[in-house]
Amino acid sequence: MHLTREAKKKKTKKAILAAAVELFSINGFEKTSISQLAKTAGVGKGTVYSYFKTKQDLLLAFCEDELEYIHEQLNTRTNQDAPVFEQLVTVFMAEFEYVTRNPEFGRLYMQEIVFPKKLLAEKHKEGENKFFEMIFPILLKGQERGEIRQEFELLHLCGHFFAIYLLLLHAWYSDFIATSEAEAALRTLFTQAFVGLQPSTATTHHAEAQS
């Protein structure tokens, strides 16, 4: 009985989130009401409030869902002993896939995540911290194995690769690259970044290998 109840709750939550994706894409975040969400999800208004107190909480739920998706992709596509380069490609390609599966919602989602309103900023930090908890160990292990220079702070490294990811998203939304070209483009950009982030000996060896 307990499992059935939990499965029903999970199904209801997914229905509300699916309704949010549909309505936010059509009407925008501000113009979508809780009543509309409830009707589209096929639940009562009170049910929506029992899962999400505000529409901002819905966006935070998508942050958690995105992190779960990234974890799944890390577990299936690579492992913790893989080179840091491959793990980072997996992480940010998973983010790319999550955001671009519904372009209009993805545009709104990224706007709210990258430029959060003050009311959402504090709550958003929780999601950011969870992301850091996932990616910092990958970067740290890369430093310990000599794949990345040790003098760089983990937060700065994370910001460096996230900025490249945002460039990739911009290129995709601007039709500079197709979906099929995204991973190759990300690999090229990350490769260029890694040359500057590797220890000097590794950089020398990389240059020698290219010559």
C-alpha atoms as a PDB file:
ATOM      1  CA  MET A   1       0.000   0.000   0.000  1.00  0.00           C
ATOM      2  CA  HIS A   2       2.860   2.352   0.883  1.00  0.00           C
ATOM      3  CA  LEU A   3       4.564   1.778  -2.466  1.00  0.00           C
ATOM      4  CA  THR A   4       1.303   2.365  -4.319  1.00  0.00           C
ATOM      5  CA  ARG A   5       0.762   5.663  -2.497  1.00  0.00           C
ATOM      6  CA  GLU A   6       4.305   6.789  -3.233  1.00  0.00           C
ATOM      7  CA  ALA A   7       3.965   5.819  -6.888  1.00  0.00           C
ATOM      8  CA  LYS A   8       0.724   7.809  -7.121  1.00  0.00           C
ATOM      9  CA  LYS A   9       2.369  10.865  -5.547  1.00  0.00           C
ATOM     10  CA  LYS A  10       5.265  10.615  -7.965  1.00  0.00           C
ATOM     11  CA  LYS A  11       2.874  10.329 -10.915  1.00  0.00           C
ATOM     12  CA  THR A  12       0.911  13.382  -9.733  1.00  0.00           C
ATOM     13  CA  LYS A  13       4.068  15.435  -9.293  1.00  0.00           C
ATOM     14  CA  LYS A  14       5.252  14.517 -12.790  1.00  0.00           C
ATOM     15  CA  ALA A  15       1.854  15.499 -14.205  1.00  0.00           C
ATOM     16  CA  ILE A  16       2.084  18.919 -12.568  1.00  0.00           C
ATOM     17  CA  LEU A  17       5.640  19.430 -13.838  1.00  0.00           C
ATOM     18  CA  ALA A  18       4.602  18.362 -17.351  1.00  0.00           C
ATOM     19  CA  ALA A  19       1.737  20.867 -17.216  1.00  0.00           C
ATOM     20  CA  ALA A  20       4.192  23.563 -16.120  1.00  0.00           C
ATOM     21  CA  VAL A  21       6.470  22.857 -19.084  1.00  0.00           C
ATOM     22  CA  GLU A  22       3.510  23.089 -21.479  1.00  0.00           C
ATOM     23  CA  LEU A  23       1.966  26.243 -20.021  1.00  0.00           C
ATOM     24  CA  PHE A  24       5.192  28.116 -19.269  1.00  0.00           C
ATOM     25  CA  SER A  25       6.234  27.502 -22.887  1.00  0.00           C
ATOM     26  CA  ILE A  26       2.960  28.892 -24.233  1.00  0.00           C
ATOM     27  CA  ASN A  27       2.016  31.642 -21.782  1.00  0.00           C
ATOM     28  CA  GLY A  28       5.270  32.425 -20.020  1.00  0.00           C
ATOM     29  CA  PHE A  29       6.050  32.050 -16.334  1.00  0.00           C
ATOM     30  CA  GLU A  30       4.300  35.159 -15.014  1.00  0.00           C
ATOM     31  CA  LYS A  31       1.064  34.714 -16.992  1.00  0.00           C
ATOM     32  CA  THR A  32       0.544  31.079 -16.017  1.00  0.00           C
ATOM     33  CA  SER A  33      -1.759  30.656 -13.023  1.00  0.00           C
ATOM     34  CA  ILE A  34      -1.961  27.843 -10.508  1.00  0.00           C
ATOM     35  CA  SER A  35      -5.557  27.263 -11.654  1.00  0.00           C
ATOM     36  CA  GLN A  36      -4.349  26.693 -15.217  1.00  0.00           C
ATOM     37  CA  LEU A  37      -1.660  24.319 -13.978  1.00  0.00           C
ATOM     38  CA  ALA A  38      -4.196  22.318 -11.995  1.00  0.00           C
ATOM     39  CA  LYS A  39      -6.617  22.056 -14.926  1.00  0.00           C
ATOM     40  CA  THR A  40      -3.920  20.961 -17.388  1.00  0.00           C
ATOM     41  CA  ALA A  41      -2.486  18.436 -14.924  1.00  0.00           C
ATOM     42  CA  GLY A  42      -5.957  17.055 -14.198  1.00  0.00           C
ATOM     43  CA  VAL A  43      -5.760  17.698 -10.462  1.00  0.00           C
ATOM     44  CA  GLY A  44      -7.312  20.095  -7.973  1.00  0.00           C
ATOM     45  CA  LYS A  45      -5.790  23.487  -7.233  1.00  0.00           C
ATOM     46  CA  GLY A  46      -5.205  22.411  -3.655  1.00  0.00           C
ATOM     47  CA  THR A  47      -3.252  19.394  -4.896  1.00  0.00           C
ATOM     48  CA  VAL A  48      -0.862  21.664  -6.787  1.00  0.00           C
ATOM     49  CA  TYR A  49      -0.307  23.711  -3.633  1.00  0.00           C
ATOM     50  CA  SER A  50       0.336  20.538  -1.626  1.00  0.00           C
ATOM     51  CA  TYR A  51       3.323  19.825  -3.877  1.00  0.00           C
ATOM     52  CA  PHE A  52       4.446  23.351  -4.742  1.00  0.00           C
ATOM     53  CA  LYS A  53       3.691  26.378  -2.563  1.00  0.00           C
ATOM     54  CA  THR A  54       4.628  28.828  -5.338  1.00  0.00           C
ATOM     55  CA  LYS A  55       5.451  28.797  -9.035  1.00  0.00           C
ATOM     56  CA  GLN A  56       9.071  29.473  -8.043  1.00  0.00           C
ATOM     57  CA  ASP A  57       9.042  26.124  -6.245  1.00  0.00           C
ATOM     58  CA  LEU A  58       8.177  24.527  -9.574  1.00  0.00           C
ATOM     59  CA  LEU A  59      11.356  25.925 -11.110  1.00  0.00           C
ATOM     60  CA  LEU A  60      13.372  24.607  -8.183  1.00  0.00           C
ATOM     61  CA  ALA A  61      11.814  21.194  -8.780  1.00  0.00           C
ATOM     62  CA  PHE A  62      13.139  21.328 -12.330  1.00  0.00           C
ATOM     63  CA  CYS A  63      16.614  22.055 -10.915  1.00  0.00           C
ATOM     64  CA  GLU A  64      16.369  18.889  -8.825  1.00  0.00           C
ATOM     65  CA  ASP A  65      15.061  16.930 -11.800  1.00  0.00           C
ATOM     66  CA  GLU A  66      17.943  18.190 -13.935  1.00  0.00           C
ATOM     67  CA  LEU A  67      20.487  17.090 -11.309  1.00  0.00           C
ATOM     68  CA  GLU A  68      18.895  13.636 -11.177  1.00  0.00           C
ATOM     69  CA  TYR A  69      19.150  13.408 -14.953  1.00  0.00           C
ATOM     70  CA  ILE A  70      22.831  14.408 -14.877  1.00  0.00           C
ATOM     71  CA  HIS A  71      23.564  11.798 -12.202  1.00  0.00           C
ATOM     72  CA  GLU A  72      21.854   9.144 -14.332  1.00  0.00           C
ATOM     73  CA  GLN A  73      23.924  10.091 -17.373  1.00  0.00           C
ATOM     74  CA  LEU A  74      27.162  10.052 -15.342  1.00  0.00           C
ATOM     75  CA  ASN A  75      26.354   6.561 -14.105  1.00  0.00           C
ATOM     76  CA  THR A  76      25.442   5.183 -17.533  1.00  0.00           C
ATOM     77  CA  ARG A  77      27.876   6.993 -19.840  1.00  0.00           C
ATOM     78  CA  THR A  78      31.026   7.163 -17.744  1.00  0.00           C
ATOM     79  CA  ASN A  79      32.437   6.414 -14.273  1.00  0.00           C
ATOM     80  CA  GLN A  80      34.357   8.201 -11.516  1.00  0.00           C
ATOM     81  CA  ASP A  81      37.679   6.840 -12.792  1.00  0.00           C
ATOM     82  CA  ALA A  82      37.195   8.233 -16.288  1.00  0.00           C
ATOM     83  CA  PRO A  83      39.288  11.278 -17.304  1.00  0.00           C
ATOM     84  CA  VAL A  84      37.898  14.527 -15.916  1.00  0.00           C
ATOM     85  CA  PHE A  85      37.447  15.750 -19.503  1.00  0.00           C
ATOM     86  CA  GLU A  86      35.037  12.918 -20.325  1.00  0.00           C
ATOM     87  CA  GLN A  87      33.104  13.368 -17.094  1.00  0.00           C
ATOM     88  CA  LEU A  88      32.690  17.088 -17.719  1.00  0.00           C
ATOM     89  CA  VAL A  89      31.507  16.498 -21.274  1.00  0.00           C
ATOM     90  CA  THR A  90      28.943  14.042 -19.896  1.00  0.00           C
ATOM     91  CA  VAL A  91      27.757  16.504 -17.229  1.00  0.00           C
ATOM     92  CA  PHE A  92      27.290  19.464 -19.543  1.00  0.00           C
ATOM     93  CA  MET A  93      25.877  17.477 -22.452  1.00  0.00           C
ATOM     94  CA  ALA A  94      23.292  16.090 -20.015  1.00  0.00           C
ATOM     95  CA  GLU A  95      22.449  19.678 -19.045  1.00  0.00           C
ATOM     96  CA  PHE A  96      22.237  20.616 -22.722  1.00  0.00           C
ATOM     97  CA  GLU A  97      19.891  17.709 -23.465  1.00  0.00           C
ATOM     98  CA  TYR A  98      17.691  18.557 -20.494  1.00  0.00           C
ATOM     99  CA  VAL A  99      17.314  22.217 -21.449  1.00  0.00           C
ATOM    100  CA  THR A 100      16.844  21.755 -25.199  1.00  0.00           C
ATOM    101  CA  ARG A 101      14.290  18.927 -25.074  1.00  0.00           C
ATOM    102  CA  ASN A 102      11.658  21.700 -24.951  1.00  0.00           C
ATOM    103  CA  PRO A 103      13.266  24.845 -26.446  1.00  0.00           C
ATOM    104  CA  GLU A 104      10.733  27.433 -25.285  1.00  0.00           C
ATOM    105  CA  PHE A 105      10.615  26.124 -21.743  1.00  0.00           C
ATOM    106  CA  GLY A 106      14.398  25.740 -21.777  1.00  0.00           C
ATOM    107  CA  ARG A 107      14.769  29.407 -22.692  1.00  0.00           C
ATOM    108  CA  LEU A 108      12.580  30.449 -19.763  1.00  0.00           C
ATOM    109  CA  TYR A 109      14.212  27.970 -17.392  1.00  0.00           C
ATOM    110  CA  MET A 110      17.730  29.219 -18.151  1.00  0.00           C
ATOM    111  CA  GLN A 111      16.632  32.841 -17.795  1.00  0.00           C
ATOM    112  CA  GLU A 112      15.278  32.149 -14.312  1.00  0.00           C
ATOM    113  CA  ILE A 113      18.303  30.048 -13.314  1.00  0.00           C
ATOM    114  CA  VAL A 114      21.081  32.297 -14.642  1.00  0.00           C
ATOM    115  CA  PHE A 115      19.342  35.549 -13.665  1.00  0.00           C
ATOM    116  CA  PRO A 116      17.141  34.591 -10.687  1.00  0.00           C
ATOM    117  CA  LYS A 117      14.843  37.126  -9.120  1.00  0.00           C
ATOM    118  CA  LYS A 118      15.643  38.064  -5.524  1.00  0.00           C
ATOM    119  CA  LEU A 119      12.765  35.989  -4.186  1.00  0.00           C
ATOM    120  CA  LEU A 120      14.188  32.911  -5.900  1.00  0.00           C
ATOM    121  CA  ALA A 121      17.893  33.597  -5.445  1.00  0.00           C
ATOM    122  CA  GLU A 122      18.204  32.226  -1.908  1.00  0.00           C
ATOM    123  CA  LYS A 123      16.324  29.026  -2.717  1.00  0.00           C
ATOM    124  CA  HIS A 124      18.272  28.665  -5.943  1.00  0.00           C
ATOM    125  CA  LYS A 125      21.505  28.528  -3.948  1.00  0.00           C
ATOM    126  CA  GLU A 126      20.404  25.153  -2.596  1.00  0.00           C
ATOM    127  CA  GLY A 127      20.336  23.766  -6.128  1.00  0.00           C
ATOM    128  CA  GLU A 128      23.671  25.372  -6.935  1.00  0.00           C
ATOM    129  CA  ASN A 129      25.238  23.804  -3.861  1.00  0.00           C
ATOM    130  CA  LYS A 130      23.965  20.375  -4.922  1.00  0.00           C
ATOM    131  CA  PHE A 131      25.514  20.933  -8.353  1.00  0.00           C
ATOM    132  CA  PHE A 132      28.811  21.918  -6.739  1.00  0.00           C
ATOM    133  CA  GLU A 133      28.679  18.813  -4.535  1.00  0.00           C
ATOM    134  CA  MET A 134      28.466  16.747  -7.708  1.00  0.00           C
ATOM    135  CA  ILE A 135      31.064  18.513  -9.854  1.00  0.00           C
ATOM    136  CA  PHE A 136      33.693  19.577  -7.282  1.00  0.00           C
ATOM    137  CA  PRO A 137      34.849  15.985  -6.590  1.00  0.00           C
ATOM    138  CA  ILE A 138      35.286  15.441 -10.336  1.00  0.00           C
ATOM    139  CA  LEU A 139      37.457  18.560 -10.652  1.00  0.00           C
ATOM    140  CA  LEU A 140      39.385  17.780  -7.463  1.00  0.00           C
ATOM    141  CA  LYS A 141      40.203  14.284  -8.663  1.00  0.00           C
ATOM    142  CA  GLY A 142      41.340  15.787 -11.956  1.00  0.00           C
ATOM    143  CA  GLN A 143      43.726  18.028 -10.029  1.00  0.00           C
ATOM    144  CA  GLU A 144      45.015  15.121  -7.947  1.00  0.00           C
ATOM    145  CA  ARG A 145      45.702  13.088 -11.098  1.00  0.00           C
ATOM    146  CA  GLY A 146      47.508  15.984 -12.759  1.00  0.00           C
ATOM    147  CA  GLU A 147      44.841  16.582 -15.401  1.00  0.00           C
ATOM    148  CA  ILE A 148      44.173  20.130 -14.162  1.00  0.00           C
ATOM    149  CA  ARG A 149      46.555  22.569 -12.485  1.00  0.00           C
ATOM    150  CA  GLN A 150      46.142  22.510  -8.716  1.00  0.00           C
ATOM    151  CA  GLU A 151      46.359  26.261  -8.092  1.00  0.00           C
ATOM    152  CA  PHE A 152      42.910  26.860  -9.624  1.00  0.00           C
ATOM    153  CA  GLU A 153      40.009  27.097  -7.171  1.00  0.00           C
ATOM    154  CA  LEU A 154      37.222  24.598  -7.758  1.00  0.00           C
ATOM    155  CA  LEU A 155      34.554  27.302  -7.902  1.00  0.00           C
ATOM    156  CA  HIS A 156      36.476  29.188 -10.582  1.00  0.00           C
ATOM    157  CA  LEU A 157      36.980  25.998 -12.586  1.00  0.00           C
ATOM    158  CA  CYS A 158      33.289  25.210 -12.386  1.00  0.00           C
ATOM    159  CA  GLY A 159      32.441  28.727 -13.538  1.00  0.00           C
ATOM    160  CA  HIS A 160      34.888  28.395 -16.411  1.00  0.00           C
ATOM    161  CA  PHE A 161      33.203  25.293 -17.821  1.00  0.00           C
ATOM    162  CA  PHE A 162      29.695  26.574 -17.117  1.00  0.00           C
ATOM    163  CA  ALA A 163      30.498  29.704 -19.137  1.00  0.00           C
ATOM    164  CA  ILE A 164      31.525  27.490 -22.063  1.00  0.00           C
ATOM    165  CA  TYR A 165      28.277  25.560 -21.686  1.00  0.00           C
ATOM    166  CA  LEU A 166      26.309  28.831 -21.851  1.00  0.00           C
ATOM    167  CA  LEU A 167      28.183  29.691 -25.056  1.00  0.00           C
ATOM    168  CA  LEU A 168      27.104  26.347 -26.498  1.00  0.00           C
ATOM    169  CA  LEU A 169      23.471  27.014 -25.552  1.00  0.00           C
ATOM    170  CA  HIS A 170      23.638  30.474 -27.110  1.00  0.00           C
ATOM    171  CA  ALA A 171      25.026  29.007 -30.335  1.00  0.00           C
ATOM    172  CA  TRP A 172      22.249  26.406 -30.429  1.00  0.00           C
ATOM    173  CA  TYR A 173      19.442  28.864 -29.746  1.00  0.00           C
ATOM    174  CA  SER A 174      20.922  31.219 -32.353  1.00  0.00           C
ATOM    175  CA  ASP A 175      21.009  28.409 -34.950  1.00  0.00           C
ATOM    176  CA  PHE A 176      24.793  28.575 -35.278  1.00  0.00           C
ATOM    177  CA  ILE A 177      25.003  24.846 -34.575  1.00  0.00           C
ATOM    178  CA  ALA A 178      22.611  21.914 -34.914  1.00  0.00           C
ATOM    179  CA  THR A 179      21.788  19.465 -32.145  1.00  0.00           C
ATOM    180  CA  SER A 180      23.854  16.800 -33.902  1.00  0.00           C
ATOM    181  CA  GLU A 181      26.906  19.106 -33.771  1.00  0.00           C
ATOM    182  CA  ALA A 182      26.574  20.118 -30.121  1.00  0.00           C
ATOM    183  CA  GLU A 183      28.780  17.478 -28.503  1.00  0.00           C
ATOM    184  CA  ALA A 184      31.565  17.930 -31.054  1.00  0.00           C
ATOM    185  CA  ALA A 185      31.456  21.689 -30.485  1.00  0.00           C
ATOM    186  CA  LEU A 186      31.548  21.239 -26.704  1.00  0.00           C
ATOM    187  CA  ARG A 187      34.504  18.871 -26.979  1.00  0.00           C
ATOM    188  CA  THR A 188      36.391  21.378 -29.113  1.00  0.00           C
ATOM    189  CA  LEU A 189      35.741  24.218 -26.674  1.00  0.00           C
ATOM    190  CA  PHE A 190      36.656  22.082 -23.657  1.00  0.00           C
ATOM    191  CA  THR A 191      39.839  20.868 -25.382  1.00  0.00           C
ATOM    192  CA  GLN A 192      40.927  24.455 -25.952  1.00  0.00           C
ATOM    193  CA  ALA A 193      40.206  25.266 -22.299  1.00  0.00           C
ATOM    194  CA  PHE A 194      42.078  22.228 -21.003  1.00  0.00           C
ATOM    195  CA  VAL A 195      45.299  23.257 -22.740  1.00  0.00           C
ATOM    196  CA  GLY A 196      45.405  26.316 -20.501  1.00  0.00           C
ATOM    197  CA  LEU A 197      44.263  24.458 -17.386  1.00  0.00           C
ATOM    198  CA  GLN A 198      46.728  21.589 -17.502  1.00  0.00           C
ATOM    199  CA  PRO A 199      50.056  21.653 -15.618  1.00  0.00           C
ATOM    200  CA  SER A 200      52.910  23.174 -17.590  1.00  0.00           C
ATOM    201  CA  THR A 201      54.521  19.774 -18.261  1.00  0.00           C
ATOM    202  CA  ALA A 202      51.247  18.422 -19.577  1.00  0.00           C
ATOM    203  CA  THR A 203      50.847  21.507 -21.759  1.00  0.00           C
ATOM    204  CA  THR A 204      54.318  20.978 -23.173  1.00  0.00           C
ATOM    205  CA  HIS A 205      53.602  17.338 -23.914  1.00  0.00           C
ATOM    206  CA  HIS A 206      50.292  18.308 -25.534  1.00  0.00           C
ATOM    207  CA  ALA A 207      52.048  20.835 -27.765  1.00  0.00           C
ATOM    208  CA  GLU A 208      54.716  18.290 -28.693  1.00  0.00           C
ATOM    209  CA  ALA A 209      52.048  15.731 -29.558  1.00  0.00           C
ATOM    210  CA  GLN A 210      50.323  18.252 -31.840  1.00  0.00           C
ATOM    211  CA  SER A 211      53.541  19.147 -33.681  1.00  0.00           C
END
